[in-house]
């Protein structure tokens, strides 16, 4: 990966209460709207628009993430030529919740996520196909974006992914056992129960020590504090229903051949949430135009790491998008 000599992000040394307030105030300038996703579930969208028909970056978040998690990234892009859009997946943030327990991560069908993204892009962001659209997708969002673009390549000019959820790290539970347990739970009607070892939001979610997403305490705290201050945004453990759909979606990705959208993948060597070998295989065997780099020091979410990682990420992302612009 080419090192960045330019600081794109707010330097970590300046991440203080004043800077955080600037980021929060910029976030409040978003134009918000919602649309009806598939099966009549409302989907919340935040838009930071430039001139009419400006090229667009669409952020597709990961599991559990509210759109506000990307406030710093969007603030960093404020002087770029791009309009930026981010949305809450069904069951997350301010979009419609699916399960009776609102802090449970649940979806009835993974294809519903894909359909929601299709509606957003086709109906609200680029209905006439007259602007360049680029996707930034993280983790579960990368899975969703990949499936959407495999079915409809003209939805976006290029796809930049971090830590794609192409194979789930099941930890001490063998993957086949995890799949079988999820399937059995769904068969007996426990699809809207927390998966084994998972639960609703607790103080553990707020602890930096032992977290799986970031080595950077300031950026970790900035995100977690938002959930503490806005409890309605948060979700915690997934349901058996979500787990089964996630396993299925990963198998769908592995069956893809000749993925046409130009793709850039960043994986993290210290990732304990997803397995990186599936991303590497996708890049070498399934995609026709793909670059793959692995970050040695990063945990699951490179955007929440230190400046040396975030600046390199943004440098490569903007360079990649520019190379695929009209």
C-alpha atoms as a PDB file:
ATOM      1  CA  UNK A   1       0.000   0.000   0.000  1.00  0.00           C
ATOM      2  CA  UNK A   2       1.252   3.456  -0.890  1.00  0.00           C
ATOM      3  CA  UNK A   3       1.909   5.540   2.207  1.00  0.00           C
ATOM      4  CA  UNK A   4       0.024   8.796   2.524  1.00  0.00           C
ATOM      5  CA  UNK A   5       2.018  12.016   2.800  1.00  0.00           C
ATOM      6  CA  UNK A   6      -1.176  14.057   3.196  1.00  0.00           C
ATOM      7  CA  UNK A   7      -3.305  14.322   6.312  1.00  0.00           C
ATOM      8  CA  UNK A   8      -6.897  13.755   5.227  1.00  0.00           C
ATOM      9  CA  UNK A   9      -8.410  13.153   8.639  1.00  0.00           C
ATOM     10  CA  UNK A  10      -8.658  15.296  11.745  1.00  0.00           C
ATOM     11  CA  UNK A  11      -5.362  14.543  13.537  1.00  0.00           C
ATOM     12  CA  UNK A  12      -5.809  12.393  16.601  1.00  0.00           C
ATOM     13  CA  UNK A  13      -3.976  15.025  18.652  1.00  0.00           C
ATOM     14  CA  UNK A  14      -6.807  17.448  17.862  1.00  0.00           C
ATOM     15  CA  UNK A  15      -9.601  15.041  18.686  1.00  0.00           C
ATOM     16  CA  UNK A  16     -10.846  16.894  21.729  1.00  0.00           C
ATOM     17  CA  UNK A  17     -14.162  18.231  22.944  1.00  0.00           C
ATOM     18  CA  UNK A  18     -13.986  21.239  20.591  1.00  0.00           C
ATOM     19  CA  UNK A  19     -13.201  19.150  17.506  1.00  0.00           C
ATOM     20  CA  UNK A  20     -15.797  16.563  18.458  1.00  0.00           C
ATOM     21  CA  UNK A  21     -18.318  19.394  18.718  1.00  0.00           C
ATOM     22  CA  UNK A  22     -17.334  20.579  15.227  1.00  0.00           C
ATOM     23  CA  UNK A  23     -17.881  17.059  13.881  1.00  0.00           C
ATOM     24  CA  UNK A  24     -21.221  16.806  15.677  1.00  0.00           C
ATOM     25  CA  UNK A  25     -22.341  20.225  14.422  1.00  0.00           C
ATOM     26  CA  UNK A  26     -21.415  19.307  10.854  1.00  0.00           C
ATOM     27  CA  UNK A  27     -23.395  16.099  11.238  1.00  0.00           C
ATOM     28  CA  UNK A  28     -26.438  18.149  12.211  1.00  0.00           C
ATOM     29  CA  UNK A  29     -26.315  19.835   8.777  1.00  0.00           C
ATOM     30  CA  UNK A  30     -27.340  16.579   7.100  1.00  0.00           C
ATOM     31  CA  UNK A  31     -30.474  16.515   5.017  1.00  0.00           C
ATOM     32  CA  UNK A  32     -32.453  13.597   6.362  1.00  0.00           C
ATOM     33  CA  UNK A  33     -35.160  11.573   4.718  1.00  0.00           C
ATOM     34  CA  UNK A  34     -36.589   8.098   4.909  1.00  0.00           C
ATOM     35  CA  UNK A  35     -38.015   5.735   2.349  1.00  0.00           C
ATOM     36  CA  UNK A  36     -39.995   2.535   2.534  1.00  0.00           C
ATOM     37  CA  UNK A  37     -37.689  -0.418   2.155  1.00  0.00           C
ATOM     38  CA  UNK A  38     -38.845  -3.842   1.081  1.00  0.00           C
ATOM     39  CA  UNK A  39     -41.744  -5.257   3.140  1.00  0.00           C
ATOM     40  CA  UNK A  40     -42.634  -1.712   4.230  1.00  0.00           C
ATOM     41  CA  UNK A  41     -39.748  -1.173   6.661  1.00  0.00           C
ATOM     42  CA  UNK A  42     -38.742   2.532   6.915  1.00  0.00           C
ATOM     43  CA  UNK A  43     -35.081   3.234   6.105  1.00  0.00           C
ATOM     44  CA  UNK A  44     -33.374   6.368   7.482  1.00  0.00           C
ATOM     45  CA  UNK A  45     -30.941   8.285   5.225  1.00  0.00           C
ATOM     46  CA  UNK A  46     -28.535  11.173   5.879  1.00  0.00           C
ATOM     47  CA  UNK A  47     -27.361  13.254   2.907  1.00  0.00           C
ATOM     48  CA  UNK A  48     -24.514  15.768   2.700  1.00  0.00           C
ATOM     49  CA  UNK A  49     -25.017  17.149  -0.777  1.00  0.00           C
ATOM     50  CA  UNK A  50     -22.877  19.357  -2.987  1.00  0.00           C
ATOM     51  CA  UNK A  51     -23.843  20.707  -6.408  1.00  0.00           C
ATOM     52  CA  UNK A  52     -26.538  18.981  -8.440  1.00  0.00           C
ATOM     53  CA  UNK A  53     -25.297  15.746  -9.989  1.00  0.00           C
ATOM     54  CA  UNK A  54     -22.027  15.880  -8.034  1.00  0.00           C
ATOM     55  CA  UNK A  55     -20.368  12.459  -7.805  1.00  0.00           C
ATOM     56  CA  UNK A  56     -21.604  10.575  -4.769  1.00  0.00           C
ATOM     57  CA  UNK A  57     -20.091   8.364  -2.104  1.00  0.00           C
ATOM     58  CA  UNK A  58     -22.619   6.021  -0.508  1.00  0.00           C
ATOM     59  CA  UNK A  59     -21.591   4.543   2.838  1.00  0.00           C
ATOM     60  CA  UNK A  60     -22.951   1.069   3.602  1.00  0.00           C
ATOM     61  CA  UNK A  61     -22.370   0.420   7.342  1.00  0.00           C
ATOM     62  CA  UNK A  62     -21.602  -2.789   9.161  1.00  0.00           C
ATOM     63  CA  UNK A  63     -23.717  -4.758  11.598  1.00  0.00           C
ATOM     64  CA  UNK A  64     -24.745  -2.778  14.722  1.00  0.00           C
ATOM     65  CA  UNK A  65     -23.577   0.509  13.213  1.00  0.00           C
ATOM     66  CA  UNK A  66     -25.717   3.622  13.228  1.00  0.00           C
ATOM     67  CA  UNK A  67     -24.991   6.166  10.510  1.00  0.00           C
ATOM     68  CA  UNK A  68     -23.546   8.505  13.165  1.00  0.00           C
ATOM     69  CA  UNK A  69     -20.542   6.172  13.409  1.00  0.00           C
ATOM     70  CA  UNK A  70     -19.364   7.733  10.154  1.00  0.00           C
ATOM     71  CA  UNK A  71     -19.655  11.355  11.296  1.00  0.00           C
ATOM     72  CA  UNK A  72     -15.874  11.820  11.429  1.00  0.00           C
ATOM     73  CA  UNK A  73     -15.329  10.331   7.967  1.00  0.00           C
ATOM     74  CA  UNK A  74     -18.053  12.560   6.525  1.00  0.00           C
ATOM     75  CA  UNK A  75     -16.525  15.590   8.264  1.00  0.00           C
ATOM     76  CA  UNK A  76     -13.158  14.687   6.711  1.00  0.00           C
ATOM     77  CA  UNK A  77     -14.820  14.620   3.267  1.00  0.00           C
ATOM     78  CA  UNK A  78     -16.511  18.005   3.643  1.00  0.00           C
ATOM     79  CA  UNK A  79     -14.066  19.723   1.243  1.00  0.00           C
ATOM     80  CA  UNK A  80     -14.084  16.912  -1.302  1.00  0.00           C
ATOM     81  CA  UNK A  81     -16.121  17.143  -4.534  1.00  0.00           C
ATOM     82  CA  UNK A  82     -18.387  14.322  -3.400  1.00  0.00           C
ATOM     83  CA  UNK A  83     -21.897  14.370  -2.042  1.00  0.00           C
ATOM     84  CA  UNK A  84     -21.983  11.782   0.746  1.00  0.00           C
ATOM     85  CA  UNK A  85     -24.899   9.574   1.741  1.00  0.00           C
ATOM     86  CA  UNK A  86     -25.141   7.130   4.627  1.00  0.00           C
ATOM     87  CA  UNK A  87     -28.123   5.130   5.818  1.00  0.00           C
ATOM     88  CA  UNK A  88     -29.252   2.896   8.649  1.00  0.00           C
ATOM     89  CA  UNK A  89     -29.883  -0.730   7.744  1.00  0.00           C
ATOM     90  CA  UNK A  90     -33.262  -2.140   8.703  1.00  0.00           C
ATOM     91  CA  UNK A  91     -33.100  -3.095  12.376  1.00  0.00           C
ATOM     92  CA  UNK A  92     -30.360  -0.528  13.097  1.00  0.00           C
ATOM     93  CA  UNK A  93     -30.060   3.152  13.967  1.00  0.00           C
ATOM     94  CA  UNK A  94     -33.291   5.027  13.301  1.00  0.00           C
ATOM     95  CA  UNK A  95     -34.572   2.646  10.634  1.00  0.00           C
ATOM     96  CA  UNK A  96     -37.435   0.309  11.434  1.00  0.00           C
ATOM     97  CA  UNK A  97     -36.603  -2.379  13.971  1.00  0.00           C
ATOM     98  CA  UNK A  98     -37.466  -5.942  13.048  1.00  0.00           C
ATOM     99  CA  UNK A  99     -37.360  -7.984  16.273  1.00  0.00           C
ATOM    100  CA  UNK A 100     -39.568  -7.442  19.339  1.00  0.00           C
ATOM    101  CA  UNK A 101     -36.379  -6.809  21.343  1.00  0.00           C
ATOM    102  CA  UNK A 102     -35.167  -3.571  19.770  1.00  0.00           C
ATOM    103  CA  UNK A 103     -31.574  -4.149  20.931  1.00  0.00           C
ATOM    104  CA  UNK A 104     -31.336  -7.424  19.012  1.00  0.00           C
ATOM    105  CA  UNK A 105     -29.664  -7.503  15.611  1.00  0.00           C
ATOM    106  CA  UNK A 106     -32.142  -9.311  13.406  1.00  0.00           C
ATOM    107  CA  UNK A 107     -33.203  -9.648   9.776  1.00  0.00           C
ATOM    108  CA  UNK A 108     -35.814 -11.926   8.242  1.00  0.00           C
ATOM    109  CA  UNK A 109     -33.964 -12.357   4.941  1.00  0.00           C
ATOM    110  CA  UNK A 110     -30.493 -11.062   4.036  1.00  0.00           C
ATOM    111  CA  UNK A 111     -31.815 -10.168   0.590  1.00  0.00           C
ATOM    112  CA  UNK A 112     -33.909  -7.483   2.305  1.00  0.00           C
ATOM    113  CA  UNK A 113     -30.685  -5.582   3.047  1.00  0.00           C
ATOM    114  CA  UNK A 114     -29.714  -5.883  -0.615  1.00  0.00           C
ATOM    115  CA  UNK A 115     -33.133  -4.741  -1.816  1.00  0.00           C
ATOM    116  CA  UNK A 116     -32.989  -1.671   0.456  1.00  0.00           C
ATOM    117  CA  UNK A 117     -29.632  -0.632  -1.019  1.00  0.00           C
ATOM    118  CA  UNK A 118     -30.985  -1.116  -4.538  1.00  0.00           C
ATOM    119  CA  UNK A 119     -33.965   1.129  -3.793  1.00  0.00           C
ATOM    120  CA  UNK A 120     -31.759   3.830  -2.271  1.00  0.00           C
ATOM    121  CA  UNK A 121     -29.391   3.909  -5.252  1.00  0.00           C
ATOM    122  CA  UNK A 122     -31.894   3.428  -8.068  1.00  0.00           C
ATOM    123  CA  UNK A 123     -34.704   5.620  -6.767  1.00  0.00           C
ATOM    124  CA  UNK A 124     -33.111   8.344  -4.648  1.00  0.00           C
ATOM    125  CA  UNK A 125     -29.416   8.804  -5.450  1.00  0.00           C
ATOM    126  CA  UNK A 126     -28.962   8.027  -9.138  1.00  0.00           C
ATOM    127  CA  UNK A 127     -32.335   7.341 -10.786  1.00  0.00           C
ATOM    128  CA  UNK A 128     -31.254   8.652 -14.202  1.00  0.00           C
ATOM    129  CA  UNK A 129     -27.745   7.168 -14.096  1.00  0.00           C
ATOM    130  CA  UNK A 130     -26.221  10.595 -14.826  1.00  0.00           C
ATOM    131  CA  UNK A 131     -23.735  10.794 -11.956  1.00  0.00           C
ATOM    132  CA  UNK A 132     -20.788   8.759 -10.766  1.00  0.00           C
ATOM    133  CA  UNK A 133     -21.646   6.767  -7.652  1.00  0.00           C
ATOM    134  CA  UNK A 134     -18.998   5.137  -5.473  1.00  0.00           C
ATOM    135  CA  UNK A 135     -19.594   2.832  -2.540  1.00  0.00           C
ATOM    136  CA  UNK A 136     -17.698   2.656   0.731  1.00  0.00           C
ATOM    137  CA  UNK A 137     -18.767  -0.477   2.593  1.00  0.00           C
ATOM    138  CA  UNK A 138     -17.664  -2.013   5.872  1.00  0.00           C
ATOM    139  CA  UNK A 139     -18.018  -5.589   7.136  1.00  0.00           C
ATOM    140  CA  UNK A 140     -21.660  -6.695   6.738  1.00  0.00           C
ATOM    141  CA  UNK A 141     -22.148  -3.677   4.480  1.00  0.00           C
ATOM    142  CA  UNK A 142     -19.433  -5.012   2.172  1.00  0.00           C
ATOM    143  CA  UNK A 143     -21.326  -8.288   1.867  1.00  0.00           C
ATOM    144  CA  UNK A 144     -24.544  -6.397   1.056  1.00  0.00           C
ATOM    145  CA  UNK A 145     -22.866  -4.114  -1.498  1.00  0.00           C
ATOM    146  CA  UNK A 146     -21.116  -7.044  -3.174  1.00  0.00           C
ATOM    147  CA  UNK A 147     -24.354  -8.975  -3.618  1.00  0.00           C
ATOM    148  CA  UNK A 148     -26.144  -5.871  -4.898  1.00  0.00           C
ATOM    149  CA  UNK A 149     -23.445  -5.038  -7.442  1.00  0.00           C
ATOM    150  CA  UNK A 150     -23.086  -8.632  -8.568  1.00  0.00           C
ATOM    151  CA  UNK A 151     -26.749  -8.584  -9.543  1.00  0.00           C
ATOM    152  CA  UNK A 152     -26.715  -5.027 -10.940  1.00  0.00           C
ATOM    153  CA  UNK A 153     -23.172  -3.810 -11.799  1.00  0.00           C
ATOM    154  CA  UNK A 154     -24.326  -0.384 -13.003  1.00  0.00           C
ATOM    155  CA  UNK A 155     -25.379   0.653  -9.493  1.00  0.00           C
ATOM    156  CA  UNK A 156     -21.879   2.039  -8.827  1.00  0.00           C
ATOM    157  CA  UNK A 157     -18.645   2.846 -10.631  1.00  0.00           C
ATOM    158  CA  UNK A 158     -16.390   1.350  -7.948  1.00  0.00           C
ATOM    159  CA  UNK A 159     -16.506  -0.383  -4.576  1.00  0.00           C
ATOM    160  CA  UNK A 160     -14.116   0.264  -1.681  1.00  0.00           C
ATOM    161  CA  UNK A 161     -14.444  -2.274   1.159  1.00  0.00           C
ATOM    162  CA  UNK A 162     -12.980  -2.625   4.634  1.00  0.00           C
ATOM    163  CA  UNK A 163     -13.003  -5.921   6.545  1.00  0.00           C
ATOM    164  CA  UNK A 164     -15.665  -7.546   4.334  1.00  0.00           C
ATOM    165  CA  UNK A 165     -17.918 -10.097   6.001  1.00  0.00           C
ATOM    166  CA  UNK A 166     -17.321 -12.897   3.513  1.00  0.00           C
ATOM    167  CA  UNK A 167     -16.529 -15.480   6.198  1.00  0.00           C
ATOM    168  CA  UNK A 168     -17.543 -15.064   9.842  1.00  0.00           C
ATOM    169  CA  UNK A 169     -15.041 -15.790  12.600  1.00  0.00           C
ATOM    170  CA  UNK A 170     -17.035 -18.078  14.894  1.00  0.00           C
ATOM    171  CA  UNK A 171     -14.268 -18.220  17.512  1.00  0.00           C
ATOM    172  CA  UNK A 172     -14.260 -21.348  19.621  1.00  0.00           C
ATOM    173  CA  UNK A 173     -17.451 -22.666  17.982  1.00  0.00           C
ATOM    174  CA  UNK A 174     -16.677 -24.608  14.781  1.00  0.00           C
ATOM    175  CA  UNK A 175     -18.258 -22.929  11.755  1.00  0.00           C
ATOM    176  CA  UNK A 176     -20.329 -25.991  10.803  1.00  0.00           C
ATOM    177  CA  UNK A 177     -21.622 -26.251  14.363  1.00  0.00           C
ATOM    178  CA  UNK A 178     -22.573 -22.565  14.310  1.00  0.00           C
ATOM    179  CA  UNK A 179     -24.468 -23.019  11.062  1.00  0.00           C
ATOM    180  CA  UNK A 180     -26.233 -26.126  12.337  1.00  0.00           C
ATOM    181  CA  UNK A 181     -27.212 -24.460  15.623  1.00  0.00           C
ATOM    182  CA  UNK A 182     -28.576 -21.412  13.792  1.00  0.00           C
ATOM    183  CA  UNK A 183     -30.527 -23.598  11.397  1.00  0.00           C
ATOM    184  CA  UNK A 184     -32.014 -25.686  14.208  1.00  0.00           C
ATOM    185  CA  UNK A 185     -33.000 -22.578  16.187  1.00  0.00           C
ATOM    186  CA  UNK A 186     -34.808 -21.215  13.140  1.00  0.00           C
ATOM    187  CA  UNK A 187     -36.589 -24.519  12.495  1.00  0.00           C
ATOM    188  CA  UNK A 188     -37.997 -24.626  16.025  1.00  0.00           C
ATOM    189  CA  UNK A 189     -39.075 -20.982  15.910  1.00  0.00           C
ATOM    190  CA  UNK A 190     -36.274 -19.358  17.911  1.00  0.00           C
ATOM    191  CA  UNK A 191     -35.094 -17.139  15.071  1.00  0.00           C
ATOM    192  CA  UNK A 192     -35.864 -14.020  17.138  1.00  0.00           C
ATOM    193  CA  UNK A 193     -33.859 -15.215  20.151  1.00  0.00           C
ATOM    194  CA  UNK A 194     -30.307 -14.080  20.863  1.00  0.00           C
ATOM    195  CA  UNK A 195     -27.705 -16.393  19.329  1.00  0.00           C
ATOM    196  CA  UNK A 196     -25.603 -18.512  21.667  1.00  0.00           C
ATOM    197  CA  UNK A 197     -23.521 -16.320  23.999  1.00  0.00           C
ATOM    198  CA  UNK A 198     -25.048 -13.068  22.719  1.00  0.00           C
ATOM    199  CA  UNK A 199     -27.234 -10.594  24.597  1.00  0.00           C
ATOM    200  CA  UNK A 200     -28.658  -7.087  24.703  1.00  0.00           C
ATOM    201  CA  UNK A 201     -26.564  -3.961  25.285  1.00  0.00           C
ATOM    202  CA  UNK A 202     -24.561  -4.022  28.485  1.00  0.00           C
ATOM    203  CA  UNK A 203     -21.691  -2.110  30.084  1.00  0.00           C
ATOM    204  CA  UNK A 204     -19.329  -4.557  28.362  1.00  0.00           C
ATOM    205  CA  UNK A 205     -20.120  -2.887  25.029  1.00  0.00           C
ATOM    206  CA  UNK A 206     -18.736   0.373  26.435  1.00  0.00           C
ATOM    207  CA  UNK A 207     -15.379  -1.001  27.581  1.00  0.00           C
ATOM    208  CA  UNK A 208     -12.325  -0.243  25.482  1.00  0.00           C
ATOM    209  CA  UNK A 209     -10.328  -3.061  27.052  1.00  0.00           C
ATOM    210  CA  UNK A 210     -10.935  -6.269  25.139  1.00  0.00           C
ATOM    211  CA  UNK A 211     -12.936  -4.667  22.299  1.00  0.00           C
ATOM    212  CA  UNK A 212     -12.647  -6.248  18.856  1.00  0.00           C
ATOM    213  CA  UNK A 213     -12.973  -3.208  16.621  1.00  0.00           C
ATOM    214  CA  UNK A 214     -10.257  -0.652  17.458  1.00  0.00           C
ATOM    215  CA  UNK A 215      -6.865  -0.042  19.043  1.00  0.00           C
ATOM    216  CA  UNK A 216      -7.585   3.672  19.313  1.00  0.00           C
ATOM    217  CA  UNK A 217      -9.292   4.738  22.530  1.00  0.00           C
ATOM    218  CA  UNK A 218     -10.276   8.239  21.370  1.00  0.00           C
ATOM    219  CA  UNK A 219     -12.065   7.087  18.251  1.00  0.00           C
ATOM    220  CA  UNK A 220     -13.592   4.082  20.000  1.00  0.00           C
ATOM    221  CA  UNK A 221     -14.953   6.359  22.726  1.00  0.00           C
ATOM    222  CA  UNK A 222     -16.311   8.906  20.228  1.00  0.00           C
ATOM    223  CA  UNK A 223     -18.482   6.187  18.675  1.00  0.00           C
ATOM    224  CA  UNK A 224     -19.513   4.476  21.924  1.00  0.00           C
ATOM    225  CA  UNK A 225     -20.376   7.776  23.621  1.00  0.00           C
ATOM    226  CA  UNK A 226     -22.900   8.398  20.876  1.00  0.00           C
ATOM    227  CA  UNK A 227     -24.692   5.165  21.772  1.00  0.00           C
ATOM    228  CA  UNK A 228     -24.582   6.021  25.472  1.00  0.00           C
ATOM    229  CA  UNK A 229     -26.116   9.433  24.800  1.00  0.00           C
ATOM    230  CA  UNK A 230     -28.623   8.084  22.257  1.00  0.00           C
ATOM    231  CA  UNK A 231     -29.748   4.638  23.437  1.00  0.00           C
ATOM    232  CA  UNK A 232     -32.345   4.355  20.659  1.00  0.00           C
ATOM    233  CA  UNK A 233     -29.509   4.048  18.115  1.00  0.00           C
ATOM    234  CA  UNK A 234     -27.862   1.001  19.591  1.00  0.00           C
ATOM    235  CA  UNK A 235     -28.125  -2.731  19.085  1.00  0.00           C
ATOM    236  CA  UNK A 236     -25.965  -5.474  20.524  1.00  0.00           C
ATOM    237  CA  UNK A 237     -26.009  -9.230  19.948  1.00  0.00           C
ATOM    238  CA  UNK A 238     -27.449 -10.885  16.829  1.00  0.00           C
ATOM    239  CA  UNK A 239     -30.377 -13.272  16.701  1.00  0.00           C
ATOM    240  CA  UNK A 240     -30.269 -16.842  15.465  1.00  0.00           C
ATOM    241  CA  UNK A 241     -32.228 -15.574  12.472  1.00  0.00           C
ATOM    242  CA  UNK A 242     -29.554 -13.012  11.634  1.00  0.00           C
ATOM    243  CA  UNK A 243     -26.801 -15.602  12.130  1.00  0.00           C
ATOM    244  CA  UNK A 244     -28.411 -18.058   9.715  1.00  0.00           C
ATOM    245  CA  UNK A 245     -28.931 -15.337   7.099  1.00  0.00           C
ATOM    246  CA  UNK A 246     -25.347 -14.157   7.538  1.00  0.00           C
ATOM    247  CA  UNK A 247     -23.985 -17.665   6.966  1.00  0.00           C
ATOM    248  CA  UNK A 248     -26.162 -17.951   3.868  1.00  0.00           C
ATOM    249  CA  UNK A 249     -25.028 -14.596   2.501  1.00  0.00           C
ATOM    250  CA  UNK A 250     -21.376 -15.569   2.889  1.00  0.00           C
ATOM    251  CA  UNK A 251     -22.025 -18.734   0.885  1.00  0.00           C
ATOM    252  CA  UNK A 252     -23.692 -16.630  -1.833  1.00  0.00           C
ATOM    253  CA  UNK A 253     -20.616 -14.391  -2.050  1.00  0.00           C
ATOM    254  CA  UNK A 254     -18.331 -17.421  -2.389  1.00  0.00           C
ATOM    255  CA  UNK A 255     -20.376 -18.588  -5.390  1.00  0.00           C
ATOM    256  CA  UNK A 256     -19.831 -15.333  -7.294  1.00  0.00           C
ATOM    257  CA  UNK A 257     -17.849 -15.541 -10.518  1.00  0.00           C
ATOM    258  CA  UNK A 258     -16.738 -12.676 -12.762  1.00  0.00           C
ATOM    259  CA  UNK A 259     -17.582  -9.795 -10.390  1.00  0.00           C
ATOM    260  CA  UNK A 260     -17.322  -6.807 -12.714  1.00  0.00           C
ATOM    261  CA  UNK A 261     -17.297  -3.713 -10.453  1.00  0.00           C
ATOM    262  CA  UNK A 262     -13.765  -2.365  -9.825  1.00  0.00           C
ATOM    263  CA  UNK A 263     -12.991  -3.205  -6.207  1.00  0.00           C
ATOM    264  CA  UNK A 264     -10.472  -2.225  -3.538  1.00  0.00           C
ATOM    265  CA  UNK A 265     -10.365  -4.313  -0.342  1.00  0.00           C
ATOM    266  CA  UNK A 266      -8.633  -3.446   2.931  1.00  0.00           C
ATOM    267  CA  UNK A 267      -8.403  -6.217   5.498  1.00  0.00           C
ATOM    268  CA  UNK A 268      -6.986  -6.036   9.011  1.00  0.00           C
ATOM    269  CA  UNK A 269      -4.398  -8.538  10.205  1.00  0.00           C
ATOM    270  CA  UNK A 270      -5.713  -8.430  13.800  1.00  0.00           C
ATOM    271  CA  UNK A 271      -9.344  -8.934  12.801  1.00  0.00           C
ATOM    272  CA  UNK A 272     -11.209 -11.354  15.086  1.00  0.00           C
ATOM    273  CA  UNK A 273     -14.666 -10.678  13.623  1.00  0.00           C
ATOM    274  CA  UNK A 274     -14.221 -11.937  10.068  1.00  0.00           C
ATOM    275  CA  UNK A 275     -11.782 -14.259   8.310  1.00  0.00           C
ATOM    276  CA  UNK A 276      -9.521 -12.529   5.803  1.00  0.00           C
ATOM    277  CA  UNK A 277      -8.843 -15.529   3.581  1.00  0.00           C
ATOM    278  CA  UNK A 278     -12.298 -15.205   2.011  1.00  0.00           C
ATOM    279  CA  UNK A 279     -11.591 -11.596   1.000  1.00  0.00           C
ATOM    280  CA  UNK A 280      -8.258 -12.601  -0.516  1.00  0.00           C
ATOM    281  CA  UNK A 281      -9.917 -15.417  -2.457  1.00  0.00           C
ATOM    282  CA  UNK A 282     -12.632 -13.071  -3.704  1.00  0.00           C
ATOM    283  CA  UNK A 283     -10.031 -10.641  -5.005  1.00  0.00           C
ATOM    284  CA  UNK A 284      -7.904 -13.234  -6.778  1.00  0.00           C
ATOM    285  CA  UNK A 285     -10.552 -15.656  -8.045  1.00  0.00           C
ATOM    286  CA  UNK A 286     -13.929 -13.938  -8.313  1.00  0.00           C
ATOM    287  CA  UNK A 287     -13.405 -10.265  -9.174  1.00  0.00           C
ATOM    288  CA  UNK A 288     -12.153  -9.114 -12.571  1.00  0.00           C
ATOM    289  CA  UNK A 289     -10.643  -5.844 -11.239  1.00  0.00           C
ATOM    290  CA  UNK A 290      -9.540  -5.987  -7.611  1.00  0.00           C
ATOM    291  CA  UNK A 291      -6.794  -4.678  -5.334  1.00  0.00           C
ATOM    292  CA  UNK A 292      -6.289  -6.147  -1.867  1.00  0.00           C
ATOM    293  CA  UNK A 293      -4.098  -4.857   0.962  1.00  0.00           C
ATOM    294  CA  UNK A 294      -3.865  -5.985   4.553  1.00  0.00           C
ATOM    295  CA  UNK A 295      -3.112  -3.598   7.432  1.00  0.00           C
ATOM    296  CA  UNK A 296      -0.819  -5.208   9.980  1.00  0.00           C
ATOM    297  CA  UNK A 297      -1.765  -3.144  13.056  1.00  0.00           C
ATOM    298  CA  UNK A 298      -5.530  -2.780  12.613  1.00  0.00           C
ATOM    299  CA  UNK A 299      -8.410  -4.527  14.315  1.00  0.00           C
ATOM    300  CA  UNK A 300     -11.766  -4.961  12.582  1.00  0.00           C
ATOM    301  CA  UNK A 301     -12.541  -1.281  11.879  1.00  0.00           C
ATOM    302  CA  UNK A 302      -9.599   0.607  10.290  1.00  0.00           C
ATOM    303  CA  UNK A 303     -11.594   3.861  10.251  1.00  0.00           C
ATOM    304  CA  UNK A 304     -11.501   3.825  14.049  1.00  0.00           C
ATOM    305  CA  UNK A 305      -7.733   3.382  14.210  1.00  0.00           C
ATOM    306  CA  UNK A 306      -4.934   5.969  14.471  1.00  0.00           C
ATOM    307  CA  UNK A 307      -4.039   8.646  11.924  1.00  0.00           C
ATOM    308  CA  UNK A 308      -1.363   6.531  10.243  1.00  0.00           C
ATOM    309  CA  UNK A 309      -4.054   4.023   9.246  1.00  0.00           C
ATOM    310  CA  UNK A 310      -6.955   6.397   8.566  1.00  0.00           C
ATOM    311  CA  UNK A 311      -4.905   8.712   6.351  1.00  0.00           C
ATOM    312  CA  UNK A 312      -3.612   5.825   4.257  1.00  0.00           C
ATOM    313  CA  UNK A 313      -7.164   4.458   3.973  1.00  0.00           C
ATOM    314  CA  UNK A 314      -8.533   7.813   2.802  1.00  0.00           C
ATOM    315  CA  UNK A 315      -5.644   8.434   0.419  1.00  0.00           C
ATOM    316  CA  UNK A 316      -6.181   5.098  -1.293  1.00  0.00           C
ATOM    317  CA  UNK A 317      -9.966   5.439  -1.264  1.00  0.00           C
ATOM    318  CA  UNK A 318      -9.992   8.879  -2.916  1.00  0.00           C
ATOM    319  CA  UNK A 319      -7.271   7.888  -5.390  1.00  0.00           C
ATOM    320  CA  UNK A 320      -9.254   4.757  -6.275  1.00  0.00           C
ATOM    321  CA  UNK A 321     -12.502   6.658  -6.787  1.00  0.00           C
ATOM    322  CA  UNK A 322     -10.767   9.314  -8.894  1.00  0.00           C
ATOM    323  CA  UNK A 323      -9.246   6.634 -11.135  1.00  0.00           C
ATOM    324  CA  UNK A 324     -12.753   5.378 -11.930  1.00  0.00           C
ATOM    325  CA  UNK A 325     -14.397   8.763 -12.424  1.00  0.00           C
ATOM    326  CA  UNK A 326     -15.598  10.108 -15.737  1.00  0.00           C
END
